Amino acid sequence: MTNETSSIRCGKCYAPIKVGAGRDGDAWGSCPVCRQEDRVDNIIREAAEYSLDRMVSDTLSGFQEGELTVRSLPQREYPWIARD
């Protein structure tokens, strides 16, 4: 059985992931477009990290120049993202 989720998307092509049971009995998610796949627990962790990074970035962008000194962080590519 495979279900599509619209809240988590592939970080490469932004397609909604499909979730189903793998041969090992664990829940797996995959992108129907680029075929990237991983265990659902890893997908959820990556999407949560993406959301947290976006939230921090959005918060810091609201400060006026000089109000806060922030060291720039390297940009990261996420394999899985939470829908914007």
N, C-alpha and C. Protein backbone atom coordinates (compact mmCIF):
# COMPACT_ATOMS: atom_id res chain seq x y z
N MET A 1 0.84 -1.18 0.00
CA MET A 1 0.00 0.00 0.00
C MET A 1 0.89 1.24 0.00
N THR A 2 0.58 2.18 -0.86
CA THR A 2 1.36 3.41 -0.97
C THR A 2 0.42 4.60 -0.83
N ASN A 3 0.81 5.53 0.01
CA ASN A 3 0.03 6.76 0.21
C ASN A 3 0.89 7.96 -0.15
N GLU A 4 0.24 8.99 -0.68
CA GLU A 4 0.96 10.22 -0.99
C GLU A 4 0.76 11.20 0.15
N THR A 5 1.83 11.90 0.51
CA THR A 5 1.73 12.94 1.52
C THR A 5 2.06 14.27 0.88
N SER A 6 1.26 15.26 1.17
CA SER A 6 1.50 16.57 0.55
C SER A 6 2.26 17.51 1.47
N SER A 7 2.49 17.13 2.73
CA SER A 7 3.17 18.02 3.66
C SER A 7 4.69 17.91 3.58
N ILE A 8 5.20 16.81 3.07
CA ILE A 8 6.65 16.64 2.89
C ILE A 8 6.90 16.40 1.41
N ARG A 9 7.91 17.11 0.91
CA ARG A 9 8.23 17.02 -0.51
C ARG A 9 9.69 16.66 -0.71
N CYS A 10 9.99 16.19 -1.89
CA CYS A 10 11.36 15.90 -2.28
C CYS A 10 12.13 17.21 -2.35
N GLY A 11 13.32 17.26 -1.77
CA GLY A 11 14.12 18.47 -1.79
C GLY A 11 14.77 18.74 -3.13
N LYS A 12 14.80 17.75 -4.01
CA LYS A 12 15.41 17.92 -5.32
C LYS A 12 14.41 18.42 -6.35
N CYS A 13 13.24 17.81 -6.39
CA CYS A 13 12.28 18.16 -7.45
C CYS A 13 10.94 18.67 -6.91
N TYR A 14 10.79 18.73 -5.60
CA TYR A 14 9.62 19.30 -4.92
C TYR A 14 8.31 18.52 -5.12
N ALA A 15 8.42 17.29 -5.57
CA ALA A 15 7.22 16.45 -5.72
C ALA A 15 6.81 15.91 -4.36
N PRO A 16 5.50 15.74 -4.13
CA PRO A 16 5.05 15.11 -2.87
C PRO A 16 5.57 13.68 -2.80
N ILE A 17 5.97 13.27 -1.61
CA ILE A 17 6.51 11.91 -1.47
C ILE A 17 5.38 10.90 -1.36
N LYS A 18 5.71 9.67 -1.69
CA LYS A 18 4.80 8.55 -1.50
C LYS A 18 5.37 7.69 -0.38
N VAL A 19 4.50 7.23 0.50
CA VAL A 19 4.91 6.45 1.66
C VAL A 19 4.30 5.07 1.58
N GLY A 20 5.10 4.07 1.89
CA GLY A 20 4.62 2.69 1.91
C GLY A 20 5.54 1.83 2.75
N ALA A 21 5.21 0.56 2.86
CA ALA A 21 6.02 -0.37 3.63
C ALA A 21 7.13 -0.92 2.75
N GLY A 22 8.33 -0.98 3.30
CA GLY A 22 9.46 -1.55 2.58
C GLY A 22 9.54 -3.05 2.80
N ARG A 23 10.47 -3.67 2.13
CA ARG A 23 10.66 -5.12 2.28
C ARG A 23 11.06 -5.50 3.69
N ASP A 24 11.69 -4.54 4.40
CA ASP A 24 12.12 -4.82 5.76
C ASP A 24 11.02 -4.58 6.79
N GLY A 25 9.83 -4.17 6.33
CA GLY A 25 8.70 -3.93 7.22
C GLY A 25 8.62 -2.52 7.75
N ASP A 26 9.69 -1.73 7.57
CA ASP A 26 9.68 -0.34 8.00
C ASP A 26 8.94 0.52 6.97
N ALA A 27 8.50 1.68 7.42
CA ALA A 27 7.86 2.62 6.52
C ALA A 27 8.93 3.35 5.71
N TRP A 28 8.76 3.39 4.41
CA TRP A 28 9.70 4.06 3.50
C TRP A 28 8.95 5.11 2.71
N GLY A 29 9.66 6.17 2.36
CA GLY A 29 9.10 7.19 1.50
C GLY A 29 9.95 7.33 0.26
N SER A 30 9.32 7.70 -0.83
CA SER A 30 10.08 7.87 -2.06
C SER A 30 9.45 8.98 -2.90
N CYS A 31 10.28 9.55 -3.76
CA CYS A 31 9.82 10.56 -4.70
C CYS A 31 9.42 9.84 -5.98
N PRO A 32 8.20 10.05 -6.46
CA PRO A 32 7.77 9.38 -7.68
C PRO A 32 8.44 9.95 -8.94
N VAL A 33 9.08 11.11 -8.81
CA VAL A 33 9.70 11.74 -9.98
C VAL A 33 11.17 11.34 -10.12
N CYS A 34 11.98 11.61 -9.08
CA CYS A 34 13.43 11.35 -9.18
C CYS A 34 13.84 10.03 -8.53
N ARG A 35 12.91 9.34 -7.89
CA ARG A 35 13.13 8.02 -7.27
C ARG A 35 14.03 8.03 -6.04
N GLN A 36 14.29 9.20 -5.47
CA GLN A 36 15.02 9.27 -4.22
C GLN A 36 14.17 8.59 -3.15
N GLU A 37 14.79 7.82 -2.24
CA GLU A 37 14.02 7.15 -1.20
C GLU A 37 14.80 7.07 0.09
N ASP A 38 14.05 6.91 1.19
CA ASP A 38 14.66 6.78 2.51
C ASP A 38 13.59 6.29 3.47
N ARG A 39 14.04 5.89 4.66
CA ARG A 39 13.09 5.51 5.72
C ARG A 39 12.32 6.76 6.15
N VAL A 40 11.07 6.58 6.53
CA VAL A 40 10.21 7.69 6.90
C VAL A 40 10.77 8.46 8.09
N ASP A 41 11.36 7.78 9.06
CA ASP A 41 11.91 8.51 10.21
C ASP A 41 13.03 9.46 9.78
N ASN A 42 13.84 9.06 8.82
CA ASN A 42 14.88 9.96 8.30
C ASN A 42 14.27 11.12 7.51
N ILE A 43 13.24 10.83 6.75
CA ILE A 43 12.56 11.87 5.96
C ILE A 43 11.96 12.93 6.89
N ILE A 44 11.30 12.48 7.94
CA ILE A 44 10.68 13.41 8.89
C ILE A 44 11.75 14.26 9.58
N ARG A 45 12.87 13.64 9.97
CA ARG A 45 13.96 14.39 10.62
C ARG A 45 14.52 15.45 9.68
N GLU A 46 14.77 15.10 8.43
CA GLU A 46 15.31 16.07 7.47
C GLU A 46 14.32 17.21 7.21
N ALA A 47 13.05 16.89 7.07
CA ALA A 47 12.03 17.93 6.83
C ALA A 47 11.91 18.85 8.04
N ALA A 48 12.04 18.30 9.25
CA ALA A 48 11.98 19.12 10.47
C ALA A 48 13.20 20.04 10.55
N GLU A 49 14.38 19.54 10.19
CA GLU A 49 15.57 20.38 10.19
C GLU A 49 15.43 21.51 9.17
N TYR A 50 14.87 21.20 8.02
CA TYR A 50 14.61 22.22 7.00
C TYR A 50 13.69 23.31 7.56
N SER A 51 12.61 22.90 8.20
CA SER A 51 11.64 23.86 8.75
C SER A 51 12.29 24.73 9.82
N LEU A 52 13.09 24.12 10.69
CA LEU A 52 13.76 24.87 11.75
C LEU A 52 14.73 25.89 11.15
N ASP A 53 15.52 25.46 10.18
CA ASP A 53 16.46 26.38 9.53
C ASP A 53 15.73 27.54 8.86
N ARG A 54 14.60 27.26 8.22
CA ARG A 54 13.82 28.32 7.59
C ARG A 54 13.26 29.30 8.62
N MET A 55 12.79 28.76 9.74
CA MET A 55 12.23 29.60 10.79
C MET A 55 13.30 30.52 11.37
N VAL A 56 14.48 29.99 11.64
CA VAL A 56 15.57 30.81 12.18
C VAL A 56 15.99 31.86 11.16
N SER A 57 16.11 31.48 9.92
CA SER A 57 16.49 32.42 8.86
C SER A 57 15.47 33.54 8.72
N ASP A 58 14.18 33.18 8.73
CA ASP A 58 13.12 34.19 8.63
C ASP A 58 13.14 35.13 9.82
N THR A 59 13.40 34.59 11.01
CA THR A 59 13.46 35.42 12.22
C THR A 59 14.62 36.39 12.15
N LEU A 60 15.78 35.90 11.78
CA LEU A 60 16.97 36.75 11.72
C LEU A 60 16.88 37.80 10.62
N SER A 61 16.16 37.51 9.56
CA SER A 61 16.05 38.49 8.47
C SER A 61 15.20 39.69 8.88
N GLY A 62 14.46 39.60 9.98
CA GLY A 62 13.63 40.70 10.44
C GLY A 62 14.38 41.75 11.24
N PHE A 63 15.62 41.50 11.59
CA PHE A 63 16.40 42.46 12.35
C PHE A 63 16.99 43.52 11.44
N GLN A 64 17.08 44.73 11.96
CA GLN A 64 17.71 45.83 11.22
C GLN A 64 19.22 45.64 11.25
N GLU A 65 19.91 46.17 10.26
CA GLU A 65 21.35 46.07 10.22
C GLU A 65 21.93 46.75 11.46
N GLY A 66 22.84 46.07 12.13
CA GLY A 66 23.47 46.62 13.31
C GLY A 66 22.80 46.19 14.61
N GLU A 67 21.56 45.71 14.56
CA GLU A 67 20.87 45.27 15.78
C GLU A 67 21.41 43.93 16.30
N LEU A 68 21.91 43.15 15.37
CA LEU A 68 22.33 41.81 15.73
C LEU A 68 23.46 41.40 14.81
N THR A 69 24.50 40.83 15.38
CA THR A 69 25.60 40.34 14.56
C THR A 69 25.46 38.82 14.45
N VAL A 70 25.32 38.37 13.24
CA VAL A 70 25.11 36.94 13.00
C VAL A 70 26.16 36.46 12.01
N ARG A 71 26.78 35.38 12.35
CA ARG A 71 27.72 34.76 11.42
C ARG A 71 26.91 33.99 10.39
N SER A 72 27.23 34.17 9.13
CA SER A 72 26.45 33.47 8.11
C SER A 72 26.77 31.98 8.14
N LEU A 73 25.74 31.20 7.95
CA LEU A 73 25.88 29.76 7.95
C LEU A 73 25.93 29.25 6.52
N PRO A 74 26.63 28.17 6.28
CA PRO A 74 26.66 27.63 4.92
C PRO A 74 25.27 27.15 4.50
N GLN A 75 24.96 27.35 3.24
CA GLN A 75 23.69 26.88 2.72
C GLN A 75 23.72 25.36 2.61
N ARG A 76 22.64 24.74 2.98
CA ARG A 76 22.57 23.29 2.97
C ARG A 76 21.48 22.84 2.02
N GLU A 77 21.71 21.76 1.31
CA GLU A 77 20.68 21.16 0.47
C GLU A 77 20.02 20.06 1.28
N TYR A 78 18.71 20.08 1.29
CA TYR A 78 17.94 19.10 2.04
C TYR A 78 17.34 18.07 1.09
N PRO A 79 17.49 16.78 1.40
CA PRO A 79 16.89 15.77 0.54
C PRO A 79 15.36 15.77 0.64
N TRP A 80 14.83 16.19 1.79
CA TRP A 80 13.39 16.23 2.02
C TRP A 80 13.05 17.55 2.71
N ILE A 81 11.97 18.17 2.29
CA ILE A 81 11.59 19.47 2.85
C ILE A 81 10.11 19.46 3.23
N ALA A 82 9.78 20.29 4.20
CA ALA A 82 8.38 20.49 4.57
C ALA A 82 7.80 21.50 3.58
N ARG A 83 6.58 21.27 3.19
CA ARG A 83 5.93 22.16 2.22
C ARG A 83 5.83 23.56 2.75
N ASP A 84 6.14 24.52 1.90
CA ASP A 84 6.06 25.94 2.27
C ASP A 84 4.61 26.40 2.30
